[in-house]
Each structure stands twice: as structure tokens, then as C-alpha cells.
């Protein structure tokens, strides 16, 4: 066997024995920008793009919103992600093949700053995978409207519709439906989650415009109202009913 044939045989052997890693195509859009303000950029490797309305988002994009900036992004499954100012956020994976398609997957990471999500079709269940990674915990929603903020070396999360779970190396906590709290904070992956009875001031500052000229904001509890699960509605606390005994 000549030398060229030997080299060809070696290269072919390496190719056939190397593992094949399936990757999501980088040229397929996973969402598009609905609203933006200030300096917002997407970086993907050496490629850096300024984001504006109708800019496309791709798997692997790291979004950076500068001071006084924000971005609202509609994903291919209908979810809306709103990133607040001074936020760094990465879309690692976002795979959606339709409501009746094969299992879907969304893996995102909030490095710093804040985000709020109106849920789409992808959610954590027996088939689909949905994870939001932060420096201190991982969030898995069950079709939820929720908000998370990474600030002051802590992660704060609140749920406003359905439920989410927060889990790290120490413990986990369920927020919303099926849980006893709607809010929680955690300091690191080696510390337990701390449930909160009321919304911390750091939450509720991110608003979403769902596209019908109606801004969705986080309801804030007051002494005379209760905070419902659904967005933007507060119901007055019922007055005490005075019962008068019946007399013949």
C-alpha cells in the first residue's frame, strides 16, 4: 500500500470512529425582535449584530442590553421574552416543530439582569424540555408567566400564572400552583432557596406588551387587595358580612 493510500485509510478510520454531534442549524431563526430601545446587541462567536425591530434571533445568540435599553422577543412557539436594561441572556437551544410535532426543547441562560416571559407552546412536561439557567438555580416552568432577576449576587423569581420550580444542588421549591409561595430568592447553587410571602421590590419592574396595545405588568399587593394568579388584575378584599338573626 503506497503512502497516499495509508493516509487516506487513517483519515477515513478517524472519521468513521468519531462521534457525530447533532447541532441545531445556526441559520434557522428561533425568534424575532418585537420592540427594542437603547443599545441591544446579539453576539454569536465573532459575529456581533445590533438588534432592532424585526431582527432575527438564532440559537447560540447572547443578547446584551445596555443601560436604559431593553428588548422584547417573540419566539417561534409564540412565547414572548422581555429583557430589561443591563441584561445578558443566551439562547442556547430553541427547537419547536409545531404543537403536534416531535418533543421540543428550550434551554436559555440569564447571566445577569432581568427577564420576564409570557409562555408559548414549549413547556416542561413528559415530552418537552424547558430550562432557564441562572448563576444560582435552574427554573423549569409548567406553561407559566414568570419573571427572574439576577442582581446583588442573588436570583429572584416570581410566578404570575401557572407554576415554576427552582432547583439547585441543595434543594428545590415550587412556586405558584401546587406550591405555597409565588416568590423566592436564592444566593448561590450551594445555598437553599428562600420562599417569600410578598413580591420583593426588585420584581415587577419588567413589562410586556403582548401586541394588542395592552401592557402587562406585575400586580403589586396592597393592604386592601389580594394578588391573583392572572396578570394585571387585583380584586378588593370582601367586606365583612353582618348577619342579623331572623325574628318571627
Protein backbone atom coordinates (compact mmCIF):
# COMPACT_ATOMS: atom_id res chain seq x y z
CA UNK A 1 0.00 0.00 0.00
CA UNK A 2 1.51 3.38 -1.03
CA UNK A 3 1.86 6.34 1.33
CA UNK A 4 -1.14 8.29 -0.08
CA UNK A 5 -3.36 5.24 0.40
CA UNK A 6 -2.13 4.83 4.00
CA UNK A 7 -3.01 8.46 4.85
CA UNK A 8 -6.42 8.07 3.21
CA UNK A 9 -7.08 4.92 5.25
CA UNK A 10 -6.10 6.70 8.52
CA UNK A 11 -8.29 9.74 7.83
CA UNK A 12 -11.25 7.55 6.88
CA UNK A 13 -10.82 5.49 10.07
CA UNK A 14 -10.79 8.61 12.26
CA UNK A 15 -13.91 9.96 10.56
CA UNK A 16 -15.85 6.72 10.95
CA UNK A 17 -14.95 6.24 14.62
CA UNK A 18 -15.52 9.85 15.75
CA UNK A 19 -18.85 10.61 17.47
CA UNK A 20 -21.33 12.63 15.46
CA UNK A 21 -22.74 15.58 17.42
CA UNK A 22 -26.09 16.82 16.17
CA UNK A 23 -26.39 20.59 16.36
CA UNK A 24 -29.30 22.88 15.70
CA UNK A 25 -28.77 24.73 12.40
CA UNK A 26 -27.36 28.17 13.17
CA UNK A 27 -29.08 29.77 10.16
CA UNK A 28 -32.64 28.96 11.28
CA UNK A 29 -34.38 31.78 13.11
CA UNK A 30 -35.79 30.94 16.55
CA UNK A 31 -37.50 34.29 17.06
CA UNK A 32 -37.58 37.95 16.12
CA UNK A 33 -37.38 41.28 17.92
CA UNK A 34 -40.76 42.95 18.51
CA UNK A 35 -39.59 46.01 20.43
CA UNK A 36 -36.19 47.42 21.30
CA UNK A 37 -34.76 50.53 22.89
CA UNK A 38 -31.25 51.77 23.51
CA UNK A 39 -28.22 49.64 22.74
CA UNK A 40 -29.09 45.95 22.32
CA UNK A 41 -26.71 43.54 20.59
CA UNK A 42 -26.55 39.85 19.77
CA UNK A 43 -23.20 38.06 19.65
CA UNK A 44 -22.66 34.59 18.21
CA UNK A 45 -19.00 33.69 18.05
CA UNK A 46 -17.16 36.54 16.34
CA UNK A 47 -20.40 37.86 14.83
CA UNK A 48 -21.90 40.88 16.64
CA UNK A 49 -25.20 42.40 15.47
CA UNK A 50 -27.18 45.45 16.56
CA UNK A 51 -30.76 44.40 17.23
CA UNK A 52 -33.74 46.40 16.03
CA UNK A 53 -37.40 45.70 15.37
CA UNK A 54 -37.77 42.60 13.14
CA UNK A 55 -34.15 41.49 13.73
CA UNK A 56 -33.95 37.70 13.77
CA UNK A 57 -32.65 35.69 16.74
CA UNK A 58 -30.70 32.44 16.34
CA UNK A 59 -29.67 29.55 18.58
CA UNK A 60 -26.41 30.42 20.32
CA UNK A 61 -27.12 34.17 20.39
CA UNK A 62 -26.01 36.02 23.51
CA UNK A 63 -28.17 39.13 23.91
CA UNK A 64 -26.75 42.15 25.74
CA UNK A 65 -28.96 45.11 26.64
CA UNK A 66 -27.12 48.23 27.71
CA UNK A 67 -28.16 50.91 30.26
CA UNK A 68 -31.67 52.22 29.57
CA UNK A 69 -32.08 49.53 26.91
CA UNK A 70 -34.50 46.63 26.57
CA UNK A 71 -35.60 44.05 24.04
CA UNK A 72 -38.86 42.18 23.58
CA UNK A 73 -38.52 38.99 21.52
CA UNK A 74 -41.28 36.76 20.16
CA UNK A 75 -40.17 33.13 19.88
CA UNK A 76 -41.18 30.59 17.23
CA UNK A 77 -43.53 28.83 19.69
CA UNK A 78 -45.39 32.05 20.49
CA UNK A 79 -43.61 32.82 23.77
CA UNK A 80 -42.55 36.41 24.47
CA UNK A 81 -39.32 37.17 26.32
CA UNK A 82 -38.72 40.69 27.62
CA UNK A 83 -35.14 41.53 28.63
CA UNK A 84 -34.60 44.56 30.85
CA UNK A 85 -31.73 47.03 30.83
CA UNK A 86 -28.22 45.83 31.68
CA UNK A 87 -29.13 42.23 30.95
CA UNK A 88 -27.01 39.44 29.46
CA UNK A 89 -29.04 36.49 28.18
CA UNK A 90 -28.18 33.46 26.00
CA UNK A 91 -30.46 31.31 23.84
CA UNK A 92 -28.53 28.02 23.94
CA UNK A 93 -31.21 25.85 22.27
CA UNK A 94 -34.70 26.54 20.97
CA UNK A 95 -36.34 23.74 18.98
CA UNK A 96 -40.04 23.80 18.09
CA UNK A 97 -41.72 21.67 15.41
CA UNK A 98 -45.32 22.68 15.95
CA UNK A 99 -47.85 21.86 18.63
CA UNK A 100 -48.23 18.27 17.39
CA UNK A 101 -44.61 17.75 16.33
CA UNK A 102 -41.78 15.87 18.00
CA UNK A 103 -40.63 16.81 21.53
CA UNK A 104 -39.47 20.42 21.78
CA UNK A 105 -36.58 21.93 23.72
CA UNK A 106 -35.67 25.36 25.06
CA UNK A 107 -32.51 25.96 27.10
CA UNK A 108 -31.71 29.56 27.98
CA UNK A 109 -29.41 31.31 30.44
CA UNK A 110 -29.84 34.54 32.37
CA UNK A 111 -26.31 35.64 33.26
CA UNK A 112 -27.27 38.99 34.80
CA UNK A 113 -30.13 41.46 34.72
CA UNK A 114 -33.79 40.60 34.36
CA UNK A 115 -36.24 38.78 32.09
CA UNK A 116 -39.96 38.17 32.01
CA UNK A 117 -41.74 35.53 29.91
CA UNK A 118 -45.24 35.04 28.60
CA UNK A 119 -45.39 31.32 27.90
CA UNK A 120 -45.68 29.69 24.48
CA UNK A 121 -46.18 26.05 23.47
CA UNK A 122 -42.83 24.80 24.82
CA UNK A 123 -43.06 23.89 28.48
CA UNK A 124 -41.61 21.36 30.89
CA UNK A 125 -43.56 18.11 30.69
CA UNK A 126 -43.04 14.46 29.88
CA UNK A 127 -42.06 15.25 26.30
CA UNK A 128 -40.74 18.82 26.09
CA UNK A 129 -37.76 20.29 27.93
CA UNK A 130 -37.63 23.89 29.12
CA UNK A 131 -34.84 25.21 31.36
CA UNK A 132 -33.75 28.69 32.38
CA UNK A 133 -30.26 28.62 33.89
CA UNK A 134 -29.05 31.33 36.28
CA UNK A 135 -25.85 31.52 38.37
CA UNK A 136 -27.78 30.26 41.42
CA UNK A 137 -30.58 27.97 40.24
CA UNK A 138 -32.42 26.39 37.31
CA UNK A 139 -36.02 27.29 36.55
CA UNK A 140 -38.46 24.89 34.89
CA UNK A 141 -41.91 26.35 34.16
CA UNK A 142 -45.13 24.47 33.51
CA UNK A 143 -46.63 26.86 30.98
CA UNK A 144 -46.05 29.88 33.18
CA UNK A 145 -45.86 33.64 33.06
CA UNK A 146 -42.90 34.37 35.28
CA UNK A 147 -40.04 36.78 35.94
CA UNK A 148 -36.46 36.29 37.12
CA UNK A 149 -33.81 38.86 38.05
CA UNK A 150 -30.13 38.26 38.77
CA UNK A 151 -28.79 41.11 40.87
CA UNK A 152 -26.81 41.70 44.07
CA UNK A 153 -25.33 38.17 43.73
CA UNK A 154 -28.80 36.62 44.06
CA UNK A 155 -31.51 35.23 41.79
CA UNK A 156 -35.08 36.39 42.43
CA UNK A 157 -38.05 34.73 40.73
CA UNK A 158 -41.80 35.20 40.80
CA UNK A 159 -44.65 33.41 39.03
CA UNK A 160 -47.87 35.14 37.95
CA UNK A 161 -49.65 32.35 36.11
CA UNK A 162 -49.41 28.55 36.46
CA UNK A 163 -46.21 27.38 38.21
CA UNK A 164 -42.43 27.14 38.10
CA UNK A 165 -39.88 25.16 40.06
CA UNK A 166 -36.45 26.40 41.14
CA UNK A 167 -33.75 23.80 41.78
CA UNK A 168 -30.05 23.80 42.65
CA UNK A 169 -27.56 21.44 44.30
CA UNK A 170 -29.14 21.94 47.74
CA UNK A 171 -32.92 21.89 47.33
CA UNK A 172 -35.89 22.90 45.21
CA UNK A 173 -39.03 25.00 45.65
CA UNK A 174 -42.34 25.08 43.78
CA UNK A 175 -43.87 28.50 43.10
CA UNK A 176 -47.45 29.16 42.01
CA UNK A 177 -49.93 26.35 41.51
CA UNK A 178 -49.03 23.36 43.65
CA UNK A 179 -46.77 25.44 45.90
CA UNK A 180 -47.22 27.61 48.97
CA UNK A 181 -45.46 30.71 47.63
CA UNK A 182 -45.31 32.86 44.49
CA UNK A 183 -41.82 34.30 45.01
CA UNK A 184 -38.39 33.09 46.10
CA UNK A 185 -34.75 34.14 46.18
CA UNK A 186 -31.50 32.17 46.28
CA UNK A 187 -27.93 33.29 46.91
CA UNK A 188 -25.89 30.55 45.21
CA UNK A 189 -26.08 26.98 43.97
CA UNK A 190 -24.80 25.83 47.38
CA UNK A 191 -27.46 27.63 49.46
CA UNK A 192 -31.16 26.78 49.92
CA UNK A 193 -33.95 28.70 48.24
CA UNK A 194 -35.78 31.22 50.44
CA UNK A 195 -39.54 31.46 49.76
CA UNK A 196 -41.04 34.96 50.05
CA UNK A 197 -44.59 35.78 51.12
CA UNK A 198 -44.70 39.02 49.12
CA UNK A 199 -43.03 40.23 45.94
CA UNK A 200 -39.59 41.76 46.53
CA UNK A 201 -39.16 45.29 45.20
CA UNK A 202 -36.72 44.05 42.56
CA UNK A 203 -39.51 42.11 40.81
CA UNK A 204 -42.41 43.68 38.96
CA UNK A 205 -40.34 46.27 37.08
CA UNK A 206 -40.43 44.46 33.71
CA UNK A 207 -43.47 44.99 31.49
CA UNK A 208 -44.56 43.15 28.35
CA UNK A 209 -46.68 44.46 25.51
CA UNK A 210 -48.39 41.35 24.06
CA UNK A 211 -49.12 43.13 20.79
CA UNK A 212 -52.67 44.37 21.38
CA UNK A 213 -51.73 47.77 22.87
CA UNK A 214 -52.26 46.38 26.34
CA UNK A 215 -49.24 46.46 28.61
CA UNK A 216 -48.96 43.55 31.04
CA UNK A 217 -47.41 44.46 34.38
CA UNK A 218 -46.80 42.61 37.60
CA UNK A 219 -49.65 43.17 40.06
CA UNK A 220 -48.42 44.65 43.33
CA UNK A 221 -50.10 43.60 46.60
CA UNK A 222 -51.67 46.30 48.77
CA UNK A 223 -53.22 46.14 52.24
CA UNK A 224 -56.72 46.23 50.72
CA UNK A 225 -56.25 43.85 47.81
CA UNK A 226 -55.04 40.38 47.03
CA UNK A 227 -52.68 39.46 44.21
CA UNK A 228 -54.32 36.95 41.85
CA UNK A 229 -52.54 34.47 39.64
CA UNK A 230 -53.51 36.24 36.41
CA UNK A 231 -51.73 39.37 35.20
CA UNK A 232 -52.81 42.91 35.89
CA UNK A 233 -55.94 42.32 37.99
CA UNK A 234 -56.49 42.98 41.69
CA UNK A 235 -59.70 42.11 43.49
CA UNK A 236 -60.83 44.10 46.56
CA UNK A 237 -60.91 42.23 49.81
CA UNK A 238 -64.59 41.38 50.57
CA UNK A 239 -66.18 43.38 53.36
CA UNK A 240 -67.32 41.54 56.48
CA UNK A 241 -70.95 40.45 56.16
CA UNK A 242 -73.08 41.26 59.21
CA UNK A 243 -75.65 38.54 59.90
CA UNK A 244 -78.93 39.70 61.52
CA UNK A 245 -80.84 36.88 63.30
CA UNK A 246 -84.31 36.24 61.91
CA UNK A 247 -87.17 37.09 64.23
CA UNK A 248 -90.79 35.99 63.87
